[in-house]
Amino acid sequence: MRILIIEDERDLGILIRNFLVKKLKIRPPESSVKIATTLGEGMDYMNEMNPDWVFVDNNLPDGKGINEIEGIKNRGSVKKTSVVMMSAMTNLREEALRKGADYFLDKPISFVEIDKIMDKARNN
């Protein structure tokens, strides 16, 4: 499983990565889970790694994550990329889901919620 986390708060990105690596027993984590701190870097990683999952923050230094959801979902890949939108702005939930996000995580991030998302996805 390949996961991309686009989050400008690097420490939060690392916490999410560490949680997912442990939860999903990902080996080796450094090639399977990448953290980008800008949209530009995230899109570069998208092309490089063709992730199964993208966790994307909304407020990033070079743009809004919500504006990239459709582009992430419509990449030329045969497989479907699951998108988790993360934001403290809960009023974005409906728009994010309408644009194709599979899940919406309220900030501050709850690892219990990430756990539920991953369990739900595994059972589908």
C-alpha atoms as a PDB file:
ATOM      1  CA  MET A   1       0.000   0.000   0.000  1.00  0.00           C
ATOM      2  CA  ARG A   2       1.286   3.438  -0.966  1.00  0.00           C
ATOM      3  CA  ILE A   3       0.143   6.499   0.978  1.00  0.00           C
ATOM      4  CA  LEU A   4       0.768  10.187   0.374  1.00  0.00           C
ATOM      5  CA  ILE A   5       0.211  12.724   3.166  1.00  0.00           C
ATOM      6  CA  ILE A   6       0.053  16.366   2.041  1.00  0.00           C
ATOM      7  CA  GLU A   7       0.267  18.386   5.255  1.00  0.00           C
ATOM      8  CA  ASP A   8       2.246  21.578   5.854  1.00  0.00           C
ATOM      9  CA  GLU A   9       2.572  20.880   9.583  1.00  0.00           C
ATOM     10  CA  ARG A  10       5.451  18.421   9.193  1.00  0.00           C
ATOM     11  CA  ASP A  11       5.152  17.048  12.738  1.00  0.00           C
ATOM     12  CA  LEU A  12       1.481  16.211  12.162  1.00  0.00           C
ATOM     13  CA  GLY A  13       2.373  14.535   8.870  1.00  0.00           C
ATOM     14  CA  ILE A  14       4.973  12.433  10.672  1.00  0.00           C
ATOM     15  CA  LEU A  15       2.478  11.459  13.379  1.00  0.00           C
ATOM     16  CA  ILE A  16      -0.065  10.384  10.756  1.00  0.00           C
ATOM     17  CA  ARG A  17       2.618   8.467   8.850  1.00  0.00           C
ATOM     18  CA  ASN A  18       3.826   6.676  11.966  1.00  0.00           C
ATOM     19  CA  PHE A  19       0.276   5.771  12.952  1.00  0.00           C
ATOM     20  CA  LEU A  20      -0.542   4.377   9.489  1.00  0.00           C
ATOM     21  CA  VAL A  21       2.734   2.450   9.215  1.00  0.00           C
ATOM     22  CA  LYS A  22       2.018   0.760  12.546  1.00  0.00           C
ATOM     23  CA  LYS A  23      -1.709   0.230  11.912  1.00  0.00           C
ATOM     24  CA  LEU A  24      -1.259  -1.190   8.417  1.00  0.00           C
ATOM     25  CA  LYS A  25       2.072  -2.926   9.119  1.00  0.00           C
ATOM     26  CA  ILE A  26       3.678  -1.212   6.111  1.00  0.00           C
ATOM     27  CA  ARG A  27       7.236  -2.284   5.208  1.00  0.00           C
ATOM     28  CA  PRO A  28       9.432  -0.449   4.230  1.00  0.00           C
ATOM     29  CA  PRO A  29       7.698   2.778   5.287  1.00  0.00           C
ATOM     30  CA  GLU A  30      10.136   5.213   3.701  1.00  0.00           C
ATOM     31  CA  SER A  31       9.226   4.136   0.158  1.00  0.00           C
ATOM     32  CA  SER A  32       5.535   3.433   0.802  1.00  0.00           C
ATOM     33  CA  VAL A  33       4.470   6.493   2.803  1.00  0.00           C
ATOM     34  CA  LYS A  34       5.577   9.968   1.718  1.00  0.00           C
ATOM     35  CA  ILE A  35       4.944  13.333   3.341  1.00  0.00           C
ATOM     36  CA  ALA A  36       4.693  16.487   1.257  1.00  0.00           C
ATOM     37  CA  THR A  37       4.459  19.937   2.847  1.00  0.00           C
ATOM     38  CA  THR A  38       3.133  21.759  -0.237  1.00  0.00           C
ATOM     39  CA  LEU A  39       0.663  20.986  -3.017  1.00  0.00           C
ATOM     40  CA  GLY A  40       3.435  21.183  -5.604  1.00  0.00           C
ATOM     41  CA  GLU A  41       5.550  18.643  -3.771  1.00  0.00           C
ATOM     42  CA  GLY A  42       2.446  16.499  -3.256  1.00  0.00           C
ATOM     43  CA  MET A  43       1.621  16.491  -6.970  1.00  0.00           C
ATOM     44  CA  ASP A  44       5.222  15.505  -7.757  1.00  0.00           C
ATOM     45  CA  TYR A  45       4.884  12.573  -5.349  1.00  0.00           C
ATOM     46  CA  MET A  46       1.491  11.702  -6.886  1.00  0.00           C
ATOM     47  CA  ASN A  47       3.165  11.224 -10.260  1.00  0.00           C
ATOM     48  CA  GLU A  48       6.124   9.384  -8.780  1.00  0.00           C
ATOM     49  CA  MET A  49       4.378   6.904  -6.501  1.00  0.00           C
ATOM     50  CA  ASN A  50       0.773   6.563  -7.777  1.00  0.00           C
ATOM     51  CA  PRO A  51      -0.590   6.246  -4.211  1.00  0.00           C
ATOM     52  CA  ASP A  52      -3.526   4.148  -3.058  1.00  0.00           C
ATOM     53  CA  TRP A  53      -4.417   6.782  -0.453  1.00  0.00           C
ATOM     54  CA  VAL A  54      -3.925  10.557  -0.274  1.00  0.00           C
ATOM     55  CA  PHE A  55      -4.464  12.462   2.966  1.00  0.00           C
ATOM     56  CA  VAL A  56      -4.616  16.140   1.999  1.00  0.00           C
ATOM     57  CA  ASP A  57      -4.858  19.215   4.201  1.00  0.00           C
ATOM     58  CA  ASN A  58      -6.852  22.159   2.892  1.00  0.00           C
ATOM     59  CA  ASN A  59      -4.735  25.158   3.874  1.00  0.00           C
ATOM     60  CA  LEU A  60      -1.319  24.694   2.304  1.00  0.00           C
ATOM     61  CA  PRO A  61       1.365  27.305   1.545  1.00  0.00           C
ATOM     62  CA  ASP A  62       0.798  27.134  -2.219  1.00  0.00           C
ATOM     63  CA  GLY A  63      -2.964  26.593  -2.449  1.00  0.00           C
ATOM     64  CA  LYS A  64      -6.070  24.852  -1.215  1.00  0.00           C
ATOM     65  CA  GLY A  65      -6.150  21.074  -1.030  1.00  0.00           C
ATOM     66  CA  ILE A  66      -9.889  21.048  -1.749  1.00  0.00           C
ATOM     67  CA  ASN A  67      -9.146  22.385  -5.240  1.00  0.00           C
ATOM     68  CA  GLU A  68      -6.931  19.355  -5.995  1.00  0.00           C
ATOM     69  CA  ILE A  69      -9.361  16.578  -5.038  1.00  0.00           C
ATOM     70  CA  GLU A  70     -10.787  16.132  -8.526  1.00  0.00           C
ATOM     71  CA  GLY A  71      -7.301  16.150 -10.061  1.00  0.00           C
ATOM     72  CA  ILE A  72      -6.125  13.509  -7.599  1.00  0.00           C
ATOM     73  CA  LYS A  73      -9.172  11.336  -8.273  1.00  0.00           C
ATOM     74  CA  ASN A  74      -8.922  11.718 -12.063  1.00  0.00           C
ATOM     75  CA  ARG A  75      -5.248  10.904 -12.473  1.00  0.00           C
ATOM     76  CA  GLY A  76      -4.585   8.563 -15.402  1.00  0.00           C
ATOM     77  CA  SER A  77      -4.203   5.560 -13.114  1.00  0.00           C
ATOM     78  CA  VAL A  78      -6.229   2.389 -13.613  1.00  0.00           C
ATOM     79  CA  LYS A  79      -6.785   1.979  -9.889  1.00  0.00           C
ATOM     80  CA  LYS A  80      -8.808   4.318  -7.752  1.00  0.00           C
ATOM     81  CA  THR A  81      -7.003   6.578  -5.284  1.00  0.00           C
ATOM     82  CA  SER A  82      -8.870   7.120  -2.011  1.00  0.00           C
ATOM     83  CA  VAL A  83      -8.798  10.728  -0.810  1.00  0.00           C
ATOM     84  CA  VAL A  84      -9.078  11.861   2.811  1.00  0.00           C
ATOM     85  CA  MET A  85      -9.605  15.625   3.101  1.00  0.00           C
ATOM     86  CA  MET A  86      -8.354  17.139   6.381  1.00  0.00           C
ATOM     87  CA  SER A  87      -9.458  20.546   7.631  1.00  0.00           C
ATOM     88  CA  ALA A  88     -10.448  22.485  10.727  1.00  0.00           C
ATOM     89  CA  MET A  89     -13.091  24.150   8.543  1.00  0.00           C
ATOM     90  CA  THR A  90     -15.935  21.657   8.969  1.00  0.00           C
ATOM     91  CA  ASN A  91     -18.093  23.706   6.588  1.00  0.00           C
ATOM     92  CA  LEU A  92     -15.913  22.297   3.764  1.00  0.00           C
ATOM     93  CA  ARG A  93     -17.099  18.734   4.394  1.00  0.00           C
ATOM     94  CA  GLU A  94     -19.962  18.757   1.864  1.00  0.00           C
ATOM     95  CA  GLU A  95     -17.905  20.478  -0.829  1.00  0.00           C
ATOM     96  CA  ALA A  96     -14.978  18.080  -0.329  1.00  0.00           C
ATOM     97  CA  LEU A  97     -17.255  15.039  -0.601  1.00  0.00           C
ATOM     98  CA  ARG A  98     -19.002  16.522  -3.644  1.00  0.00           C
ATOM     99  CA  LYS A  99     -15.615  17.023  -5.327  1.00  0.00           C
ATOM    100  CA  GLY A 100     -14.792  13.368  -4.781  1.00  0.00           C
ATOM    101  CA  ALA A 101     -13.172  13.027  -1.354  1.00  0.00           C
ATOM    102  CA  ASP A 102     -13.913   9.621   0.093  1.00  0.00           C
ATOM    103  CA  TYR A 103     -13.590  10.792   3.687  1.00  0.00           C
ATOM    104  CA  PHE A 104     -13.338  14.044   5.653  1.00  0.00           C
ATOM    105  CA  LEU A 105     -11.255  14.345   8.826  1.00  0.00           C
ATOM    106  CA  ASP A 106     -11.874  17.228  11.179  1.00  0.00           C
ATOM    107  CA  LYS A 107      -8.854  18.935  12.689  1.00  0.00           C
ATOM    108  CA  PRO A 108      -7.517  18.546  15.246  1.00  0.00           C
ATOM    109  CA  ILE A 109      -6.920  15.065  13.857  1.00  0.00           C
ATOM    110  CA  SER A 110      -8.311  12.118  15.776  1.00  0.00           C
ATOM    111  CA  PHE A 111      -6.336   8.921  15.321  1.00  0.00           C
ATOM    112  CA  VAL A 112      -9.472   7.043  16.389  1.00  0.00           C
ATOM    113  CA  GLU A 113     -11.165   8.483  13.283  1.00  0.00           C
ATOM    114  CA  ILE A 114      -8.231   7.510  11.038  1.00  0.00           C
ATOM    115  CA  ASP A 115      -8.448   4.015  12.526  1.00  0.00           C
ATOM    116  CA  LYS A 116     -12.186   3.854  11.705  1.00  0.00           C
ATOM    117  CA  ILE A 117     -11.571   5.028   8.120  1.00  0.00           C
ATOM    118  CA  MET A 118      -8.899   2.400   7.512  1.00  0.00           C
ATOM    119  CA  ASP A 119     -11.018  -0.360   9.081  1.00  0.00           C
ATOM    120  CA  LYS A 120     -14.049   0.674   7.029  1.00  0.00           C
ATOM    121  CA  ALA A 121     -11.985   0.714   3.822  1.00  0.00           C
ATOM    122  CA  ARG A 122     -10.496  -2.699   4.595  1.00  0.00           C
ATOM    123  CA  ASN A 123     -13.989  -4.177   5.104  1.00  0.00           C
ATOM    124  CA  ASN A 124     -15.312  -2.875   1.753  1.00  0.00           C
END
